Amino acid sequence: MLHIVKTLQALEDASQYSGANDEWLLIEEAVYAANPLHRDFHFLKEKQVSVLEADVVARGMNNRLSPSVTLVDYSGFVRLTAAHPQTLTWD
């Protein structure tokens, strides 16, 4: 399953329902958590996490991402959704 997380508030909820083989895509406000110094980064540990490049750039976080996350463009977003028959969006 692909978990598309939009807000920081949704990170904790998403982490409770995420399985071992699930992937995460952080978009919008949730990209802030991809900074290893962010208070919510612990929710991302041991998960396969991608972040949407456009949202990272819009928030000036280009050089603040953890090396453990993957930066994807809109084509990568589409590839992730196509690779997962089930997706769940967290607001």
PDB file of N, CA and C in Angstrom:
ATOM      1  N   MET A   1       0.838  -1.175   0.000  1.00  0.00           N
ATOM      2  CA  MET A   1       0.000   0.000   0.000  1.00  0.00           C
ATOM      3  C   MET A   1       0.887   1.244   0.000  1.00  0.00           C
ATOM      4  N   LEU A   2       0.401   2.268  -0.663  1.00  0.00           N
ATOM      5  CA  LEU A   2       1.072   3.571  -0.667  1.00  0.00           C
ATOM      6  C   LEU A   2       0.282   4.511   0.233  1.00  0.00           C
ATOM      7  N   HIS A   3       0.955   5.087   1.206  1.00  0.00           N
ATOM      8  CA  HIS A   3       0.357   6.076   2.100  1.00  0.00           C
ATOM      9  C   HIS A   3       0.807   7.455   1.630  1.00  0.00           C
ATOM     10  N   ILE A   4      -0.130   8.266   1.176  1.00  0.00           N
ATOM     11  CA  ILE A   4       0.162   9.629   0.751  1.00  0.00           C
ATOM     12  C   ILE A   4      -0.198  10.529   1.927  1.00  0.00           C
ATOM     13  N   VAL A   5       0.811  11.136   2.512  1.00  0.00           N
ATOM     14  CA  VAL A   5       0.614  11.918   3.730  1.00  0.00           C
ATOM     15  C   VAL A   5       0.752  13.399   3.395  1.00  0.00           C
ATOM     16  N   LYS A   6      -0.296  14.168   3.727  1.00  0.00           N
ATOM     17  CA  LYS A   6      -0.346  15.588   3.375  1.00  0.00           C
ATOM     18  C   LYS A   6      -0.008  16.526   4.531  1.00  0.00           C
ATOM     19  N   THR A   7      -0.279  16.126   5.760  1.00  0.00           N
ATOM     20  CA  THR A   7      -0.093  17.031   6.890  1.00  0.00           C
ATOM     21  C   THR A   7       0.773  16.382   7.968  1.00  0.00           C
ATOM     22  N   LEU A   8       1.372  17.215   8.776  1.00  0.00           N
ATOM     23  CA  LEU A   8       2.155  16.712   9.904  1.00  0.00           C
ATOM     24  C   LEU A   8       1.269  16.005  10.913  1.00  0.00           C
ATOM     25  N   GLN A   9       0.065  16.480  11.079  1.00  0.00           N
ATOM     26  CA  GLN A   9      -0.859  15.869  12.035  1.00  0.00           C
ATOM     27  C   GLN A   9      -1.209  14.432  11.644  1.00  0.00           C
ATOM     28  N   ALA A  10      -1.167  14.130  10.367  1.00  0.00           N
ATOM     29  CA  ALA A  10      -1.549  12.796   9.896  1.00  0.00           C
ATOM     30  C   ALA A  10      -0.428  11.772  10.024  1.00  0.00           C
ATOM     31  N   LEU A  11       0.791  12.205  10.297  1.00  0.00           N
ATOM     32  CA  LEU A  11       1.916  11.270  10.366  1.00  0.00           C
ATOM     33  C   LEU A  11       1.718  10.183  11.420  1.00  0.00           C
ATOM     34  N   GLU A  12       1.289  10.567  12.601  1.00  0.00           N
ATOM     35  CA  GLU A  12       1.125   9.584  13.665  1.00  0.00           C
ATOM     36  C   GLU A  12       0.039   8.566  13.309  1.00  0.00           C
ATOM     37  N   ASP A  13      -1.075   9.047  12.782  1.00  0.00           N
ATOM     38  CA  ASP A  13      -2.150   8.129  12.385  1.00  0.00           C
ATOM     39  C   ASP A  13      -1.671   7.170  11.307  1.00  0.00           C
ATOM     40  N   ALA A  14      -0.987   7.699  10.317  1.00  0.00           N
ATOM     41  CA  ALA A  14      -0.500   6.860   9.223  1.00  0.00           C
ATOM     42  C   ALA A  14       0.483   5.814   9.733  1.00  0.00           C
ATOM     43  N   SER A  15       1.320   6.185  10.674  1.00  0.00           N
ATOM     44  CA  SER A  15       2.311   5.231  11.172  1.00  0.00           C
ATOM     45  C   SER A  15       1.661   4.070  11.919  1.00  0.00           C
ATOM     46  N   GLN A  16       0.501   4.297  12.513  1.00  0.00           N
ATOM     47  CA  GLN A  16      -0.196   3.229  13.231  1.00  0.00           C
ATOM     48  C   GLN A  16      -0.801   2.196  12.289  1.00  0.00           C
ATOM     49  N   TYR A  17      -1.061   2.594  11.056  1.00  0.00           N
ATOM     50  CA  TYR A  17      -1.713   1.697  10.097  1.00  0.00           C
ATOM     51  C   TYR A  17      -0.800   1.264   8.963  1.00  0.00           C
ATOM     52  N   SER A  18       0.458   1.583   9.054  1.00  0.00           N
ATOM     53  CA  SER A  18       1.402   1.260   7.994  1.00  0.00           C
ATOM     54  C   SER A  18       1.999  -0.123   8.229  1.00  0.00           C
ATOM     55  N   GLY A  19       1.992  -0.934   7.178  1.00  0.00           N
ATOM     56  CA  GLY A  19       2.581  -2.262   7.255  1.00  0.00           C
ATOM     57  C   GLY A  19       4.055  -2.242   6.890  1.00  0.00           C
ATOM     58  N   ALA A  20       4.718  -3.350   7.111  1.00  0.00           N
ATOM     59  CA  ALA A  20       6.158  -3.446   6.878  1.00  0.00           C
ATOM     60  C   ALA A  20       6.548  -3.211   5.419  1.00  0.00           C
ATOM     61  N   ASN A  21       5.704  -3.593   4.488  1.00  0.00           N
ATOM     62  CA  ASN A  21       6.036  -3.446   3.065  1.00  0.00           C
ATOM     63  C   ASN A  21       5.398  -2.223   2.420  1.00  0.00           C
ATOM     64  N   ASP A  22       4.746  -1.396   3.212  1.00  0.00           N
ATOM     65  CA  ASP A  22       4.102  -0.199   2.675  1.00  0.00           C
ATOM     66  C   ASP A  22       5.136   0.882   2.358  1.00  0.00           C
ATOM     67  N   GLU A  23       4.772   1.754   1.443  1.00  0.00           N
ATOM     68  CA  GLU A  23       5.601   2.913   1.126  1.00  0.00           C
ATOM     69  C   GLU A  23       4.845   4.172   1.494  1.00  0.00           C
ATOM     70  N   TRP A  24       5.592   5.221   1.735  1.00  0.00           N
ATOM     71  CA  TRP A  24       5.016   6.521   2.080  1.00  0.00           C
ATOM     72  C   TRP A  24       5.445   7.551   1.055  1.00  0.00           C
ATOM     73  N   LEU A  25       4.544   8.460   0.761  1.00  0.00           N
ATOM     74  CA  LEU A  25       4.861   9.629  -0.057  1.00  0.00           C
ATOM     75  C   LEU A  25       4.416  10.850   0.723  1.00  0.00           C
ATOM     76  N   LEU A  26       5.357  11.705   1.065  1.00  0.00           N
ATOM     77  CA  LEU A  26       5.053  12.934   1.779  1.00  0.00           C
ATOM     78  C   LEU A  26       4.866  14.063   0.775  1.00  0.00           C
ATOM     79  N   ILE A  27       3.744  14.760   0.902  1.00  0.00           N
ATOM     80  CA  ILE A  27       3.459  15.897   0.035  1.00  0.00           C
ATOM     81  C   ILE A  27       2.999  17.061   0.908  1.00  0.00           C
ATOM     82  N   GLU A  28       2.880  18.218   0.282  1.00  0.00           N
ATOM     83  CA  GLU A  28       2.390  19.420   0.948  1.00  0.00           C
ATOM     84  C   GLU A  28       3.144  19.651   2.258  1.00  0.00           C
ATOM     85  N   GLU A  29       2.428  19.922   3.351  1.00  0.00           N
ATOM     86  CA  GLU A  29       3.057  20.260   4.629  1.00  0.00           C
ATOM     87  C   GLU A  29       3.876  19.107   5.215  1.00  0.00           C
ATOM     88  N   ALA A  30       3.532  17.887   4.909  1.00  0.00           N
ATOM     89  CA  ALA A  30       4.205  16.722   5.503  1.00  0.00           C
ATOM     90  C   ALA A  30       5.672  16.613   5.112  1.00  0.00           C
ATOM     91  N   VAL A  31       6.102  17.292   4.040  1.00  0.00           N
ATOM     92  CA  VAL A  31       7.509  17.195   3.642  1.00  0.00           C
ATOM     93  C   VAL A  31       8.447  17.726   4.723  1.00  0.00           C
ATOM     94  N   TYR A  32       7.958  18.582   5.608  1.00  0.00           N
ATOM     95  CA  TYR A  32       8.800  19.099   6.690  1.00  0.00           C
ATOM     96  C   TYR A  32       9.355  17.967   7.554  1.00  0.00           C
ATOM     97  N   ALA A  33       8.614  16.898   7.708  1.00  0.00           N
ATOM     98  CA  ALA A  33       9.044  15.773   8.542  1.00  0.00           C
ATOM     99  C   ALA A  33      10.228  15.022   7.951  1.00  0.00           C
ATOM    100  N   ALA A  34      10.559  15.243   6.692  1.00  0.00           N
ATOM    101  CA  ALA A  34      11.695  14.583   6.053  1.00  0.00           C
ATOM    102  C   ALA A  34      13.026  15.187   6.484  1.00  0.00           C
ATOM    103  N   ASN A  35      12.973  16.257   7.241  1.00  0.00           N
ATOM    104  CA  ASN A  35      14.169  16.856   7.835  1.00  0.00           C
ATOM    105  C   ASN A  35      14.504  16.039   9.084  1.00  0.00           C
ATOM    106  N   PRO A  36      15.710  15.463   9.156  1.00  0.00           N
ATOM    107  CA  PRO A  36      16.030  14.615  10.316  1.00  0.00           C
ATOM    108  C   PRO A  36      16.023  15.362  11.645  1.00  0.00           C
ATOM    109  N   LEU A  37      16.021  16.688  11.623  1.00  0.00           N
ATOM    110  CA  LEU A  37      15.963  17.469  12.860  1.00  0.00           C
ATOM    111  C   LEU A  37      14.530  17.815  13.269  1.00  0.00           C
ATOM    112  N   HIS A  38      13.569  17.454  12.445  1.00  0.00           N
ATOM    113  CA  HIS A  38      12.169  17.768  12.737  1.00  0.00           C
ATOM    114  C   HIS A  38      11.638  16.845  13.838  1.00  0.00           C
ATOM    115  N   ARG A  39      10.776  17.370  14.674  1.00  0.00           N
ATOM    116  CA  ARG A  39      10.236  16.599  15.808  1.00  0.00           C
ATOM    117  C   ARG A  39       9.455  15.356  15.382  1.00  0.00           C
ATOM    118  N   ASP A  40       8.928  15.337  14.161  1.00  0.00           N
ATOM    119  CA  ASP A  40       8.135  14.195  13.694  1.00  0.00           C
ATOM    120  C   ASP A  40       8.920  13.223  12.820  1.00  0.00           C
ATOM    121  N   PHE A  41      10.210  13.446  12.668  1.00  0.00           N
ATOM    122  CA  PHE A  41      11.013  12.563  11.818  1.00  0.00           C
ATOM    123  C   PHE A  41      10.982  11.113  12.309  1.00  0.00           C
ATOM    124  N   HIS A  42      10.842  10.915  13.603  1.00  0.00           N
ATOM    125  CA  HIS A  42      10.854   9.546  14.145  1.00  0.00           C
ATOM    126  C   HIS A  42       9.742   8.668  13.558  1.00  0.00           C
ATOM    127  N   PHE A  43       8.679   9.280  13.067  1.00  0.00           N
ATOM    128  CA  PHE A  43       7.614   8.490  12.443  1.00  0.00           C
ATOM    129  C   PHE A  43       8.067   7.860  11.119  1.00  0.00           C
ATOM    130  N   LEU A  44       9.133   8.380  10.540  1.00  0.00           N
ATOM    131  CA  LEU A  44       9.586   7.915   9.228  1.00  0.00           C
ATOM    132  C   LEU A  44      10.665   6.847   9.300  1.00  0.00           C
ATOM    133  N   LYS A  45      11.218   6.639  10.471  1.00  0.00           N
ATOM    134  CA  LYS A  45      12.305   5.672  10.604  1.00  0.00           C
ATOM    135  C   LYS A  45      11.828   4.282  10.236  1.00  0.00           C
ATOM    136  N   GLU A  46      12.683   3.571   9.526  1.00  0.00           N
ATOM    137  CA  GLU A  46      12.428   2.202   9.081  1.00  0.00           C
ATOM    138  C   GLU A  46      11.241   2.086   8.137  1.00  0.00           C
ATOM    139  N   LYS A  47      10.960   3.162   7.417  1.00  0.00           N
ATOM    140  CA  LYS A  47       9.904   3.151   6.407  1.00  0.00           C
ATOM    141  C   LYS A  47      10.508   3.551   5.060  1.00  0.00           C
ATOM    142  N   GLN A  48       9.873   3.105   3.992  1.00  0.00           N
ATOM    143  CA  GLN A  48      10.276   3.529   2.652  1.00  0.00           C
ATOM    144  C   GLN A  48       9.544   4.831   2.362  1.00  0.00           C
ATOM    145  N   VAL A  49      10.283   5.939   2.343  1.00  0.00           N
ATOM    146  CA  VAL A  49       9.669   7.261   2.245  1.00  0.00           C
ATOM    147  C   VAL A  49      10.182   8.009   1.024  1.00  0.00           C
ATOM    148  N   SER A  50       9.234   8.560   0.266  1.00  0.00           N
ATOM    149  CA  SER A  50       9.542   9.477  -0.825  1.00  0.00           C
ATOM    150  C   SER A  50       8.912  10.820  -0.492  1.00  0.00           C
ATOM    151  N   VAL A  51       9.481  11.875  -1.046  1.00  0.00           N
ATOM    152  CA  VAL A  51       8.920  13.215  -0.858  1.00  0.00           C
ATOM    153  C   VAL A  51       8.770  13.869  -2.222  1.00  0.00           C
ATOM    154  N   LEU A  52       7.727  14.654  -2.380  1.00  0.00           N
ATOM    155  CA  LEU A  52       7.458  15.314  -3.655  1.00  0.00           C
ATOM    156  C   LEU A  52       8.364  16.530  -3.800  1.00  0.00           C
ATOM    157  N   GLU A  53       9.167  16.511  -4.838  1.00  0.00           N
ATOM    158  CA  GLU A  53      10.174  17.544  -5.076  1.00  0.00           C
ATOM    159  C   GLU A  53       9.576  18.949  -5.138  1.00  0.00           C
ATOM    160  N   ALA A  54       8.463  19.114  -5.819  1.00  0.00           N
ATOM    161  CA  ALA A  54       7.853  20.444  -5.963  1.00  0.00           C
ATOM    162  C   ALA A  54       7.497  21.035  -4.596  1.00  0.00           C
ATOM    163  N   ASP A  55       7.019  20.207  -3.682  1.00  0.00           N
ATOM    164  CA  ASP A  55       6.666  20.695  -2.357  1.00  0.00           C
ATOM    165  C   ASP A  55       7.901  20.980  -1.510  1.00  0.00           C
ATOM    166  N   VAL A  56       8.953  20.211  -1.705  1.00  0.00           N
ATOM    167  CA  VAL A  56      10.223  20.461  -1.013  1.00  0.00           C
ATOM    168  C   VAL A  56      10.802  21.793  -1.467  1.00  0.00           C
ATOM    169  N   VAL A  57      10.831  22.021  -2.771  1.00  0.00           N
ATOM    170  CA  VAL A  57      11.367  23.268  -3.320  1.00  0.00           C
ATOM    171  C   VAL A  57      10.527  24.460  -2.869  1.00  0.00           C
ATOM    172  N   ALA A  58       9.214  24.317  -2.889  1.00  0.00           N
ATOM    173  CA  ALA A  58       8.318  25.410  -2.497  1.00  0.00           C
ATOM    174  C   ALA A  58       8.542  25.833  -1.051  1.00  0.00           C
ATOM    175  N   ARG A  59       9.032  24.915  -0.229  1.00  0.00           N
ATOM    176  CA  ARG A  59       9.257  25.214   1.188  1.00  0.00           C
ATOM    177  C   ARG A  59      10.721  25.466   1.510  1.00  0.00           C
ATOM    178  N   GLY A  60      11.573  25.542   0.480  1.00  0.00           N
ATOM    179  CA  GLY A  60      12.991  25.843   0.678  1.00  0.00           C
ATOM    180  C   GLY A  60      13.744  24.793   1.465  1.00  0.00           C
ATOM    181  N   MET A  61      13.366  23.530   1.285  1.00  0.00           N
ATOM    182  CA  MET A  61      13.968  22.453   2.060  1.00  0.00           C
ATOM    183  C   MET A  61      14.952  21.599   1.271  1.00  0.00           C
ATOM    184  N   ASN A  62      15.379  22.071   0.134  1.00  0.00           N
ATOM    185  CA  ASN A  62      16.223  21.274  -0.758  1.00  0.00           C
ATOM    186  C   ASN A  62      17.419  20.646  -0.052  1.00  0.00           C
ATOM    187  N   ASN A  63      18.068  21.400   0.815  1.00  0.00           N
ATOM    188  CA  ASN A  63      19.287  20.898   1.463  1.00  0.00           C
ATOM    189  C   ASN A  63      19.036  20.415   2.894  1.00  0.00           C
ATOM    190  N   ARG A  64      17.796  20.171   3.249  1.00  0.00           N
ATOM    191  CA  ARG A  64      17.468  19.759   4.620  1.00  0.00           C
ATOM    192  C   ARG A  64      16.859  18.360   4.704  1.00  0.00           C
ATOM    193  N   LEU A  65      16.860  17.633   3.616  1.00  0.00           N
ATOM    194  CA  LEU A  65      16.242  16.307   3.608  1.00  0.00           C
ATOM    195  C   LEU A  65      17.187  15.243   4.144  1.00  0.00           C
ATOM    196  N   SER A  66      16.613  14.273   4.813  1.00  0.00           N
ATOM    197  CA  SER A  66      17.383  13.122   5.253  1.00  0.00           C
ATOM    198  C   SER A  66      17.839  12.326   4.025  1.00  0.00           C
ATOM    199  N   PRO A  67      19.046  11.779   4.065  1.00  0.00           N
ATOM    200  CA  PRO A  67      19.485  10.925   2.947  1.00  0.00           C
ATOM    201  C   PRO A  67      18.685   9.633   2.846  1.00  0.00           C
ATOM    202  N   SER A  68      17.884   9.330   3.855  1.00  0.00           N
ATOM    203  CA  SER A  68      17.093   8.093   3.833  1.00  0.00           C
ATOM    204  C   SER A  68      15.807   8.230   3.024  1.00  0.00           C
ATOM    205  N   VAL A  69      15.440   9.441   2.601  1.00  0.00           N
ATOM    206  CA  VAL A  69      14.225   9.625   1.806  1.00  0.00           C
ATOM    207  C   VAL A  69      14.577   9.796   0.335  1.00  0.00           C
ATOM    208  N   THR A  70      13.624   9.482  -0.511  1.00  0.00           N
ATOM    209  CA  THR A  70      13.801   9.587  -1.958  1.00  0.00           C
ATOM    210  C   THR A  70      13.009  10.779  -2.471  1.00  0.00           C
ATOM    211  N   LEU A  71      13.654  11.618  -3.249  1.00  0.00           N
ATOM    212  CA  LEU A  71      13.013  12.776  -3.854  1.00  0.00           C
ATOM    213  C   LEU A  71      12.391  12.351  -5.180  1.00  0.00           C
ATOM    214  N   VAL A  72      11.099  12.630  -5.370  1.00  0.00           N
ATOM    215  CA  VAL A  72      10.428  12.258  -6.620  1.00  0.00           C
ATOM    216  C   VAL A  72       9.736  13.474  -7.227  1.00  0.00           C
ATOM    217  N   ASP A  73       9.682  13.503  -8.544  1.00  0.00           N
ATOM    218  CA  ASP A  73       8.937  14.542  -9.248  1.00  0.00           C
ATOM    219  C   ASP A  73       7.515  14.022  -9.493  1.00  0.00           C
ATOM    220  N   TYR A  74       6.740  14.764 -10.260  1.00  0.00           N
ATOM    221  CA  TYR A  74       5.353  14.337 -10.494  1.00  0.00           C
ATOM    222  C   TYR A  74       5.282  13.003 -11.252  1.00  0.00           C
ATOM    223  N   SER A  75       6.225  12.749 -12.143  1.00  0.00           N
ATOM    224  CA  SER A  75       6.260  11.452 -12.832  1.00  0.00           C
ATOM    225  C   SER A  75       6.526  10.326 -11.835  1.00  0.00           C
ATOM    226  N   GLY A  76       7.399  10.594 -10.865  1.00  0.00           N
ATOM    227  CA  GLY A  76       7.666   9.614  -9.817  1.00  0.00           C
ATOM    228  C   GLY A  76       6.448   9.367  -8.948  1.00  0.00           C
ATOM    229  N   PHE A  77       5.671  10.419  -8.704  1.00  0.00           N
ATOM    230  CA  PHE A  77       4.409  10.303  -7.966  1.00  0.00           C
ATOM    231  C   PHE A  77       3.480   9.338  -8.712  1.00  0.00           C
ATOM    232  N   VAL A  78       3.369   9.518 -10.003  1.00  0.00           N
ATOM    233  CA  VAL A  78       2.513   8.651 -10.815  1.00  0.00           C
ATOM    234  C   VAL A  78       3.035   7.216 -10.790  1.00  0.00           C
ATOM    235  N   ARG A  79       4.350   7.029 -10.909  1.00  0.00           N
ATOM    236  CA  ARG A  79       4.924   5.681 -10.865  1.00  0.00           C
ATOM    237  C   ARG A  79       4.626   4.994  -9.528  1.00  0.00           C
ATOM    238  N   LEU A  80       4.730   5.744  -8.437  1.00  0.00           N
ATOM    239  CA  LEU A  80       4.423   5.159  -7.124  1.00  0.00           C
ATOM    240  C   LEU A  80       2.963   4.718  -7.041  1.00  0.00           C
ATOM    241  N   THR A  81       2.052   5.560  -7.504  1.00  0.00           N
ATOM    242  CA  THR A  81       0.635   5.182  -7.433  1.00  0.00           C
ATOM    243  C   THR A  81       0.324   4.013  -8.367  1.00  0.00           C
ATOM    244  N   ALA A  82       0.994   3.956  -9.509  1.00  0.00           N
ATOM    245  CA  ALA A  82       0.777   2.837 -10.433  1.00  0.00           C
ATOM    246  C   ALA A  82       1.345   1.531  -9.878  1.00  0.00           C
ATOM    247  N   ALA A  83       2.402   1.625  -9.076  1.00  0.00           N
ATOM    248  CA  ALA A  83       3.043   0.432  -8.515  1.00  0.00           C
ATOM    249  C   ALA A  83       2.266  -0.158  -7.343  1.00  0.00           C
ATOM    250  N   HIS A  84       1.336   0.603  -6.791  1.00  0.00           N
ATOM    251  CA  HIS A  84       0.580   0.143  -5.623  1.00  0.00           C
ATOM    252  C   HIS A  84      -0.912   0.093  -5.959  1.00  0.00           C
ATOM    253  N   PRO A  85      -1.504  -1.088  -5.941  1.00  0.00           N
ATOM    254  CA  PRO A  85      -2.928  -1.186  -6.256  1.00  0.00           C
ATOM    255  C   PRO A  85      -3.810  -0.486  -5.219  1.00  0.00           C
ATOM    256  N   GLN A  86      -3.279  -0.283  -4.022  1.00  0.00           N
ATOM    257  CA  GLN A  86      -4.046   0.409  -2.986  1.00  0.00           C
ATOM    258  C   GLN A  86      -3.272   1.638  -2.514  1.00  0.00           C
ATOM    259  N   THR A  87      -3.973   2.758  -2.404  1.00  0.00           N
ATOM    260  CA  THR A  87      -3.380   3.961  -1.846  1.00  0.00           C
ATOM    261  C   THR A  87      -4.338   4.522  -0.795  1.00  0.00           C
ATOM    262  N   LEU A  88      -3.760   5.212   0.158  1.00  0.00           N
ATOM    263  CA  LEU A  88      -4.546   5.845   1.205  1.00  0.00           C
ATOM    264  C   LEU A  88      -3.960   7.227   1.422  1.00  0.00           C
ATOM    265  N   THR A  89      -4.801   8.250   1.320  1.00  0.00           N
ATOM    266  CA  THR A  89      -4.358   9.624   1.506  1.00  0.00           C
ATOM    267  C   THR A  89      -4.731  10.077   2.907  1.00  0.00           C
ATOM    268  N   TRP A  90      -3.745  10.618   3.589  1.00  0.00           N
ATOM    269  CA  TRP A  90      -3.907  11.086   4.969  1.00  0.00           C
ATOM    270  C   TRP A  90      -3.866  12.601   4.976  1.00  0.00           C
ATOM    271  N   ASP A  91      -4.937  13.234   5.449  1.00  0.00           N
ATOM    272  CA  ASP A  91      -5.000  14.700   5.563  1.00  0.00           C
ATOM    273  C   ASP A  91      -4.719  15.130   6.976  1.00  0.00           C
TER     274      ASP A  91
END
